[in-house]
Amino acid sequence: MISKVRNIGPGALVTAAFIGPGTVTACTIAGASFGYALIWALVFATLATIVLQEMAARLGVVTQKGLGETLADLLDSSIWKWPLIVLVGLALYLGNAAYEAGNLSGAALGISAIAGESDTVFKGSVLLIAVLAAGLLVSGSYKHIERVLLGLVAIMAASFVAVFLVVRPDMGALLTGAFVPQIPSGALLTVIALIGTTIVPYNLFLHASAAKAKWAGPDDLTAARADTSIAIGIGGIIAILIASTAAASLFAAGISVGSATEMAGQFEPLFGSGSKYLLGIGLFAAGLTSAITAPLATAFAMTEILRVEGGQKSFKFRAIALSVVLIGAGVALTGIRPIEIILTAQFANGLLLPIVAIFLLYVMNQKAVLGRFANGTLANVLGFGVVLIAAGLGVRLMLLTDLLYGPISVILAFF
């Protein structure tokens, strides 16, 4: 994984990680259910992702250390060391286990879209994909298929661009939705899911580790920032296109989304009966790619925090990665509707984001570590602003028990 980053920018790797089945599903549901009203959440999430990922990249480039490694160093002599390590570990495991369940469900949903939607097909697909992901993680051969999978995801993304041009969304409504924040009745969970599918907590760890492998020091900081802004900006545009095409096709036709077949309806104006194959292949590729990335990121973060030697080839590294796949598969096989699992995984990420972001901001304000490259006033204002908005949305949702009942029941069912 890290060696592959030498050929592509870490920003592109982060974008590939968050443009998964969760993004496709959450954005489709947002557009199909609320039209253009929630486009602003994607604009905010994209800008917030650039702000936070720039910090992670800067940390890796300047210090030549990952976020987990830096946290371990800073907390080494603190009485809070182990409580905070446990907190970060739980946040990563809970978030990535839920995320992995969404990845496996999304990939299986892709197979179901082609082979036919049934409980047997779905559960068999989850097991097959989990075994495939686990085998690739253990063998390391995932590096050889990564480009193919990313290529398939790129084809689906290009298809959204083509459909966007064909269905001709209402640009006035789109611009209003992008710059006038509103939360329609029943949309709060979807807002948090949109944020959670874009600002993925584990990507902060992954980006710092990838940046230190790609670049040699502070002289490369300009290149790292450009890579982050451009790649993530493109990812944000793709997410907005998905929501917009759903608004123009599904919402306009009054079609609700509860299955892969209904999601494929976005492509019907251009691809007709072939829509399910395009969506199916794209979801499978996006799900499998992310099903590899999430366990790897967890393993990188935890081995850095715990100072495990041996890198990717160590038994502990592989055990951590495989445990995430195992837990994710268990969640995906609970019998809960796959789209509900995917949406709830993004919801969980949205709630866990403030915890990981606060640790990142703590690290980025350590002048003893970063020197003149530590956060300035503007970076801190933007960073804490992201944390406050994400935390505020989460608290608001918790107070609305009628909205929270569904997500809590799903999360409890995970365990």
Protein backbone atom coordinates (compact mmCIF):
# COMPACT_ATOMS: atom_id res chain seq x y z
CA MET A 1 0.00 0.00 0.00
CA ILE A 2 2.64 2.53 1.06
CA SER A 3 4.93 1.57 -1.82
CA LYS A 4 2.02 2.15 -4.20
CA VAL A 5 1.76 5.71 -2.88
CA ARG A 6 5.12 6.42 -4.52
CA ASN A 7 3.32 6.15 -7.86
CA ILE A 8 0.18 8.12 -6.98
CA GLY A 9 -0.31 11.04 -4.62
CA PRO A 10 -1.55 10.34 -1.08
CA GLY A 11 -4.42 12.73 -1.80
CA ALA A 12 -5.59 10.42 -4.60
CA LEU A 13 -5.32 7.47 -2.21
CA VAL A 14 -7.52 9.25 0.34
CA THR A 15 -10.05 10.13 -2.37
CA ALA A 16 -10.12 6.53 -3.56
CA ALA A 17 -10.72 5.44 0.04
CA PHE A 18 -13.76 7.69 0.62
CA ILE A 19 -15.32 7.27 -2.85
CA GLY A 20 -16.70 3.87 -1.91
CA PRO A 21 -20.12 2.26 -1.70
CA GLY A 22 -20.92 4.46 1.30
CA THR A 23 -20.47 7.61 -0.74
CA VAL A 24 -22.54 6.29 -3.64
CA THR A 25 -25.32 5.12 -1.31
CA ALA A 26 -25.43 8.13 1.03
CA CYS A 27 -25.31 10.64 -1.82
CA THR A 28 -27.96 8.75 -3.79
CA ILE A 29 -30.28 8.63 -0.77
CA ALA A 30 -29.66 12.33 -0.10
CA GLY A 31 -30.56 13.30 -3.65
CA ALA A 32 -33.47 10.86 -4.01
CA SER A 33 -35.01 11.79 -0.66
CA PHE A 34 -34.33 15.52 -0.36
CA GLY A 35 -33.51 16.73 -3.86
CA TYR A 36 -30.79 19.39 -3.91
CA ALA A 37 -31.38 20.53 -0.31
CA LEU A 38 -28.35 18.73 1.17
CA ILE A 39 -25.72 19.62 -1.46
CA TRP A 40 -24.34 22.14 1.05
CA ALA A 41 -23.39 19.26 3.38
CA LEU A 42 -21.16 17.82 0.65
CA VAL A 43 -19.59 21.22 -0.04
CA PHE A 44 -18.87 21.60 3.69
CA ALA A 45 -17.59 18.02 3.98
CA THR A 46 -15.24 18.46 1.01
CA LEU A 47 -13.74 21.71 2.33
CA ALA A 48 -13.50 20.24 5.85
CA THR A 49 -11.75 17.16 4.48
CA ILE A 50 -9.18 19.31 2.70
CA VAL A 51 -8.55 21.28 5.91
CA LEU A 52 -8.01 18.19 8.08
CA GLN A 53 -6.18 16.08 5.50
CA GLU A 54 -3.78 18.97 4.81
CA MET A 55 -2.83 18.84 8.49
CA ALA A 56 -2.29 15.08 8.34
CA ALA A 57 -0.18 15.41 5.18
CA ARG A 58 1.83 18.27 6.69
CA LEU A 59 2.54 16.18 9.78
CA GLY A 60 3.82 13.27 7.69
CA VAL A 61 5.92 15.42 5.35
CA VAL A 62 7.53 17.60 8.04
CA THR A 63 8.12 15.07 10.84
CA GLN A 64 8.45 11.92 8.69
CA LYS A 65 6.19 10.20 11.21
CA GLY A 66 2.62 8.94 11.11
CA LEU A 67 -0.17 10.37 13.28
CA GLY A 68 -0.26 7.25 15.47
CA GLU A 69 3.51 7.31 15.99
CA THR A 70 3.47 11.02 16.87
CA LEU A 71 0.63 10.54 19.37
CA ALA A 72 2.54 7.70 21.04
CA ASP A 73 5.64 9.94 21.36
CA LEU A 74 3.71 12.91 22.79
CA LEU A 75 1.81 10.79 25.32
CA ASP A 76 4.80 8.66 26.31
CA SER A 77 5.29 10.18 29.77
CA SER A 78 1.70 11.27 30.40
CA ILE A 79 -0.61 9.63 32.95
CA TRP A 80 -3.28 9.89 30.24
CA LYS A 81 -1.25 7.79 27.82
CA TRP A 82 -3.15 4.50 28.05
CA PRO A 83 -6.65 5.96 28.58
CA LEU A 84 -6.20 8.10 25.47
CA ILE A 85 -4.65 5.25 23.47
CA VAL A 86 -7.61 3.06 24.42
CA LEU A 87 -10.01 5.86 23.40
CA VAL A 88 -8.32 6.31 20.01
CA GLY A 89 -8.14 2.54 19.54
CA LEU A 90 -11.83 2.09 20.29
CA ALA A 91 -12.76 4.98 18.00
CA LEU A 92 -10.75 3.44 15.17
CA TYR A 93 -12.05 -0.07 15.73
CA LEU A 94 -15.68 0.96 16.15
CA GLY A 95 -15.58 3.33 13.21
CA ASN A 96 -13.67 1.01 10.90
CA ALA A 97 -15.63 -2.10 11.88
CA ALA A 98 -18.81 -0.24 10.93
CA TYR A 99 -17.12 1.14 7.83
CA GLU A 100 -15.88 -2.32 6.85
CA ALA A 101 -19.40 -3.70 7.24
CA GLY A 102 -20.56 -0.97 4.85
CA ASN A 103 -17.77 -1.78 2.39
CA LEU A 104 -18.57 -5.51 2.37
CA SER A 105 -22.30 -4.79 2.16
CA GLY A 106 -21.72 -2.36 -0.70
CA ALA A 107 -19.60 -4.82 -2.67
CA ALA A 108 -22.19 -7.56 -2.04
CA LEU A 109 -24.95 -5.17 -3.07
CA GLY A 110 -23.11 -4.75 -6.37
CA ILE A 111 -23.15 -8.51 -6.97
CA SER A 112 -26.83 -8.64 -5.94
CA ALA A 113 -27.68 -5.93 -8.46
CA ILE A 114 -26.41 -8.22 -11.22
CA ALA A 115 -27.20 -11.71 -9.90
CA GLY A 116 -30.54 -10.87 -8.32
CA GLU A 117 -31.45 -9.53 -4.91
CA SER A 118 -31.95 -12.30 -2.35
CA ASP A 119 -30.75 -12.99 1.17
CA THR A 120 -28.79 -16.04 -0.01
CA VAL A 121 -27.00 -14.15 -2.78
CA PHE A 122 -26.19 -11.24 -0.49
CA LYS A 123 -24.81 -13.31 2.41
CA GLY A 124 -22.87 -15.57 0.07
CA SER A 125 -21.38 -12.49 -1.59
CA VAL A 126 -20.38 -10.99 1.78
CA LEU A 127 -18.53 -14.18 2.74
CA LEU A 128 -16.85 -14.41 -0.66
CA ILE A 129 -15.69 -10.79 -0.60
CA ALA A 130 -14.53 -11.02 3.04
CA VAL A 131 -12.45 -14.11 2.23
CA LEU A 132 -11.06 -12.40 -0.89
CA ALA A 133 -10.16 -9.22 1.05
CA ALA A 134 -8.57 -11.26 3.86
CA GLY A 135 -6.55 -13.31 1.37
CA LEU A 136 -5.32 -10.18 -0.40
CA LEU A 137 -4.35 -8.56 2.92
CA VAL A 138 -2.37 -11.61 4.04
CA SER A 139 -0.65 -12.17 0.70
CA GLY A 140 -0.05 -8.54 -0.15
CA SER A 141 -1.16 -9.22 -3.74
CA TYR A 142 -3.84 -6.53 -3.47
CA LYS A 143 -1.24 -4.15 -4.90
CA HIS A 144 -1.55 -5.88 -8.26
CA ILE A 145 -5.33 -5.51 -8.56
CA GLU A 146 -5.60 -2.04 -7.03
CA ARG A 147 -5.34 -0.22 -10.35
CA VAL A 148 -8.00 -2.41 -11.95
CA LEU A 149 -10.43 -1.78 -9.09
CA LEU A 150 -9.75 1.95 -9.07
CA GLY A 151 -10.22 1.95 -12.83
CA LEU A 152 -13.68 0.40 -12.47
CA VAL A 153 -14.61 2.99 -9.83
CA ALA A 154 -13.36 5.72 -12.19
CA ILE A 155 -15.63 4.36 -14.94
CA MET A 156 -18.62 4.61 -12.63
CA ALA A 157 -17.60 8.13 -11.60
CA ALA A 158 -17.29 9.14 -15.28
CA SER A 159 -20.75 7.70 -15.84
CA PHE A 160 -22.18 10.03 -13.21
CA VAL A 161 -20.62 12.94 -15.12
CA ALA A 162 -22.25 11.75 -18.34
CA VAL A 163 -25.64 11.22 -16.68
CA PHE A 164 -25.38 14.65 -15.04
CA LEU A 165 -25.03 16.22 -18.50
CA VAL A 166 -27.92 14.17 -19.90
CA VAL A 167 -30.50 14.70 -17.13
CA ARG A 168 -29.62 18.41 -16.87
CA PRO A 169 -30.20 19.12 -13.16
CA ASP A 170 -31.83 22.37 -12.15
CA MET A 171 -28.68 24.50 -11.75
CA GLY A 172 -30.52 27.19 -9.81
CA ALA A 173 -31.77 24.67 -7.25
CA LEU A 174 -28.34 23.01 -7.18
CA LEU A 175 -26.56 26.30 -6.42
CA THR A 176 -29.16 27.18 -3.78
CA GLY A 177 -28.67 23.77 -2.17
CA ALA A 178 -24.88 24.25 -2.26
CA PHE A 179 -24.76 27.67 -0.59
CA VAL A 180 -27.93 27.89 1.53
CA PRO A 181 -27.70 25.36 4.38
CA GLN A 182 -30.96 23.74 5.42
CA ILE A 183 -31.94 20.51 7.13
CA PRO A 184 -35.39 19.32 6.04
CA SER A 185 -37.48 17.26 8.43
CA GLY A 186 -35.96 13.79 8.80
CA ALA A 187 -32.71 14.74 7.03
CA LEU A 188 -30.33 15.10 10.00
CA LEU A 189 -29.14 11.50 9.92
CA THR A 190 -28.45 11.83 6.20
CA VAL A 191 -26.47 15.06 6.77
CA ILE A 192 -24.23 13.31 9.30
CA ALA A 193 -23.90 10.34 6.95
CA LEU A 194 -22.78 12.64 4.12
CA ILE A 195 -20.14 14.16 6.39
CA GLY A 196 -19.12 10.72 7.68
CA THR A 197 -18.70 9.29 4.18
CA THR A 198 -16.40 12.15 3.14
CA ILE A 199 -14.38 13.05 6.26
CA VAL A 200 -13.30 9.53 7.17
CA PRO A 201 -11.38 9.46 10.50
CA TYR A 202 -9.05 6.63 9.52
CA ASN A 203 -7.92 8.59 6.45
CA LEU A 204 -6.14 11.04 8.77
CA PHE A 205 -3.86 8.23 9.93
CA LEU A 206 -3.52 6.81 6.42
CA HIS A 207 -2.65 10.18 4.89
CA ALA A 208 0.12 11.00 7.36
CA SER A 209 1.73 7.57 6.87
CA ALA A 210 1.39 7.83 3.09
CA ALA A 211 2.79 11.38 2.98
CA LYS A 212 5.95 10.46 4.87
CA ALA A 213 6.54 7.67 2.31
CA LYS A 214 5.89 9.91 -0.70
CA TRP A 215 7.79 13.05 0.28
CA ALA A 216 11.17 13.63 1.93
CA GLY A 217 10.66 16.77 4.03
CA PRO A 218 9.39 20.37 4.34
CA ASP A 219 10.65 21.31 0.86
CA ASP A 220 7.91 19.06 -0.57
CA LEU A 221 5.10 20.68 1.43
CA THR A 222 3.79 22.75 -1.49
CA ALA A 223 3.46 19.64 -3.65
CA ALA A 224 1.75 17.76 -0.80
CA ARG A 225 -0.79 20.56 -0.31
CA ALA A 226 -1.57 20.77 -4.03
CA ASP A 227 -2.01 17.00 -4.18
CA THR A 228 -4.39 17.10 -1.21
CA SER A 229 -6.53 19.99 -2.46
CA ILE A 230 -6.85 18.81 -6.07
CA ALA A 231 -7.48 15.12 -5.40
CA ILE A 232 -9.98 15.63 -2.59
CA GLY A 233 -11.64 18.48 -4.48
CA ILE A 234 -12.26 16.11 -7.40
CA GLY A 235 -13.68 13.53 -4.97
CA GLY A 236 -16.05 16.13 -3.57
CA ILE A 237 -17.24 17.06 -7.07
CA ILE A 238 -17.96 13.38 -7.79
CA ALA A 239 -20.04 13.14 -4.60
CA ILE A 240 -21.99 16.28 -5.57
CA LEU A 241 -22.60 14.84 -9.05
CA ILE A 242 -24.01 11.63 -7.53
CA ALA A 243 -26.42 13.54 -5.30
CA SER A 244 -27.40 15.87 -8.14
CA THR A 245 -28.15 13.09 -10.62
CA ALA A 246 -30.28 11.35 -7.98
CA ALA A 247 -32.13 14.60 -7.36
CA ALA A 248 -32.73 15.16 -11.08
CA SER A 249 -33.77 11.58 -11.87
CA LEU A 250 -35.04 9.77 -8.75
CA PHE A 251 -36.35 12.67 -6.63
CA ALA A 252 -38.00 14.29 -9.63
CA ALA A 253 -39.76 10.99 -10.41
CA GLY A 254 -40.73 10.38 -6.78
CA ILE A 255 -38.65 7.17 -6.55
CA SER A 256 -37.42 6.24 -3.07
CA VAL A 257 -34.19 4.26 -2.67
CA GLY A 258 -34.28 0.96 -0.79
CA SER A 259 -32.29 -1.37 -3.04
CA ALA A 260 -29.47 -1.50 -5.57
CA THR A 261 -32.01 -1.76 -8.40
CA GLU A 262 -33.59 1.52 -7.34
CA MET A 263 -30.14 3.12 -7.03
CA ALA A 264 -29.37 2.03 -10.59
CA GLY A 265 -32.35 4.13 -11.71
CA GLN A 266 -30.01 7.13 -11.83
CA PHE A 267 -28.31 5.69 -14.89
CA GLU A 268 -31.45 4.73 -16.81
CA PRO A 269 -31.70 7.99 -18.80
CA LEU A 270 -28.35 7.12 -20.43
CA PHE A 271 -27.72 3.38 -20.02
CA GLY A 272 -31.24 1.92 -19.91
CA SER A 273 -31.34 -1.77 -18.99
CA GLY A 274 -27.56 -1.84 -18.63
CA SER A 275 -27.77 0.45 -15.59
CA LYS A 276 -27.74 -2.39 -13.07
CA TYR A 277 -24.54 -3.82 -14.54
CA LEU A 278 -22.73 -0.49 -14.39
CA LEU A 279 -23.80 0.17 -10.81
CA GLY A 280 -23.18 -3.44 -9.80
CA ILE A 281 -19.62 -3.55 -11.10
CA GLY A 282 -18.88 -0.10 -9.70
CA LEU A 283 -20.22 -0.92 -6.23
CA PHE A 284 -18.31 -4.21 -6.17
CA ALA A 285 -15.03 -2.52 -7.13
CA ALA A 286 -15.55 0.40 -4.73
CA GLY A 287 -16.50 -1.97 -1.91
CA LEU A 288 -13.57 -4.34 -2.37
CA THR A 289 -11.06 -1.49 -2.68
CA SER A 290 -12.34 0.11 0.52
CA ALA A 291 -12.61 -3.31 2.22
CA ILE A 292 -8.83 -3.53 1.83
CA THR A 293 -8.06 0.09 2.70
CA ALA A 294 -10.01 0.29 6.00
CA PRO A 295 -8.29 -2.72 7.68
CA LEU A 296 -4.89 -1.54 6.43
CA ALA A 297 -5.41 1.95 7.86
CA THR A 298 -6.49 0.48 11.22
CA ALA A 299 -3.41 -1.75 11.30
CA PHE A 300 -1.08 1.14 10.39
CA ALA A 301 -2.57 3.36 13.11
CA MET A 302 -2.63 0.75 15.88
CA THR A 303 0.86 -0.63 15.20
CA GLU A 304 2.22 2.93 15.18
CA ILE A 305 0.48 3.80 18.45
CA LEU A 306 1.58 0.55 20.11
CA ARG A 307 5.06 0.76 18.51
CA VAL A 308 4.89 -2.68 16.98
CA GLU A 309 7.97 -3.50 14.93
CA GLY A 310 8.04 -5.38 11.65
CA GLY A 311 5.68 -3.21 9.63
CA GLN A 312 3.17 -4.78 7.25
CA LYS A 313 4.84 -8.18 7.42
CA SER A 314 4.46 -8.56 11.18
CA PHE A 315 1.94 -11.00 12.65
CA LYS A 316 0.34 -8.28 14.79
CA PHE A 317 -0.16 -5.97 11.80
CA ARG A 318 -1.93 -8.69 9.84
CA ALA A 319 -3.93 -9.83 12.87
CA ILE A 320 -5.29 -6.31 13.42
CA ALA A 321 -6.20 -5.94 9.74
CA LEU A 322 -7.91 -9.35 9.62
CA SER A 323 -9.85 -8.67 12.82
CA VAL A 324 -11.45 -5.62 11.17
CA VAL A 325 -12.49 -7.76 8.20
CA LEU A 326 -13.90 -10.42 10.55
CA ILE A 327 -15.93 -7.94 12.62
CA GLY A 328 -17.15 -6.16 9.50
CA ALA A 329 -18.29 -9.45 7.95
CA GLY A 330 -20.12 -10.38 11.15
CA VAL A 331 -22.00 -7.09 11.10
CA ALA A 332 -22.84 -7.40 7.41
CA LEU A 333 -24.32 -10.87 8.02
CA THR A 334 -26.69 -9.75 10.80
CA GLY A 335 -29.65 -9.62 8.44
CA ILE A 336 -29.99 -5.84 8.57
CA ARG A 337 -30.79 -4.27 5.21
CA PRO A 338 -27.47 -3.56 3.41
CA ILE A 339 -28.37 0.05 2.58
CA GLU A 340 -29.20 0.63 6.26
CA ILE A 341 -25.81 -0.82 7.28
CA ILE A 342 -23.99 1.40 4.79
CA LEU A 343 -25.82 4.55 5.88
CA THR A 344 -25.33 3.77 9.59
CA ALA A 345 -21.61 3.18 9.02
CA GLN A 346 -21.32 6.72 7.66
CA PHE A 347 -23.36 7.95 10.63
CA ALA A 348 -20.93 6.23 13.05
CA ASN A 349 -17.97 7.81 11.24
CA GLY A 350 -19.60 11.22 11.54
CA LEU A 351 -19.98 10.82 15.30
CA LEU A 352 -16.41 9.51 15.78
CA LEU A 353 -14.86 12.26 13.65
CA PRO A 354 -14.64 14.89 16.45
CA ILE A 355 -12.66 12.50 18.68
CA VAL A 356 -9.97 11.77 16.09
CA ALA A 357 -9.93 15.37 14.81
CA ILE A 358 -9.30 16.73 18.31
CA PHE A 359 -6.25 14.47 18.64
CA LEU A 360 -5.00 15.67 15.26
CA LEU A 361 -5.40 19.32 16.29
CA TYR A 362 -3.57 18.61 19.56
CA VAL A 363 -0.64 17.18 17.60
CA MET A 364 -0.63 19.99 15.04
CA ASN A 365 -0.22 22.61 17.78
CA GLN A 366 2.98 21.08 19.17
CA LYS A 367 5.74 23.50 18.14
CA ALA A 368 8.32 21.16 19.68
CA VAL A 369 7.32 18.60 17.03
CA LEU A 370 6.49 20.75 14.01
CA GLY A 371 8.40 23.95 14.68
CA ARG A 372 7.35 26.75 12.33
CA PHE A 373 5.06 24.31 10.52
CA ALA A 374 2.72 23.98 13.51
CA ASN A 375 -0.84 25.23 13.09
CA GLY A 376 -1.38 28.96 12.91
CA THR A 377 -4.50 30.86 13.94
CA LEU A 378 -6.35 30.33 10.66
CA ALA A 379 -5.68 26.57 10.60
CA ASN A 380 -6.89 26.24 14.20
CA VAL A 381 -10.02 28.30 13.57
CA LEU A 382 -10.90 26.18 10.54
CA GLY A 383 -10.01 22.91 12.28
CA PHE A 384 -11.95 23.60 15.48
CA GLY A 385 -14.82 24.96 13.39
CA VAL A 386 -15.07 21.58 11.65
CA VAL A 387 -15.00 19.78 15.00
CA LEU A 388 -17.69 22.01 16.52
CA ILE A 389 -20.03 21.69 13.53
CA ALA A 390 -19.62 17.89 13.36
CA ALA A 391 -20.03 17.51 17.13
CA GLY A 392 -23.02 19.89 17.16
CA LEU A 393 -24.82 17.88 14.49
CA GLY A 394 -24.14 14.68 16.42
CA VAL A 395 -25.43 16.11 19.70
CA ARG A 396 -28.51 17.48 17.99
CA LEU A 397 -29.27 14.05 16.56
CA MET A 398 -28.83 12.40 19.95
CA LEU A 399 -31.39 14.77 21.42
CA LEU A 400 -33.93 13.81 18.75
CA THR A 401 -34.70 10.31 20.01
CA ASP A 402 -37.34 9.64 17.38
CA LEU A 403 -34.67 10.03 14.69
CA LEU A 404 -32.00 8.23 16.69
CA TYR A 405 -34.02 5.12 17.49
CA GLY A 406 -33.31 3.54 14.09
CA PRO A 407 -29.51 4.11 14.06
CA ILE A 408 -29.11 3.02 17.70
CA SER A 409 -30.95 -0.23 17.05
CA VAL A 410 -28.68 -0.89 14.07
CA ILE A 411 -25.50 -0.09 16.03
CA LEU A 412 -26.57 -2.29 18.95
CA ALA A 413 -27.32 -5.09 16.52
CA PHE A 414 -23.67 -4.92 15.41
CA PHE A 415 -22.67 -6.31 18.80
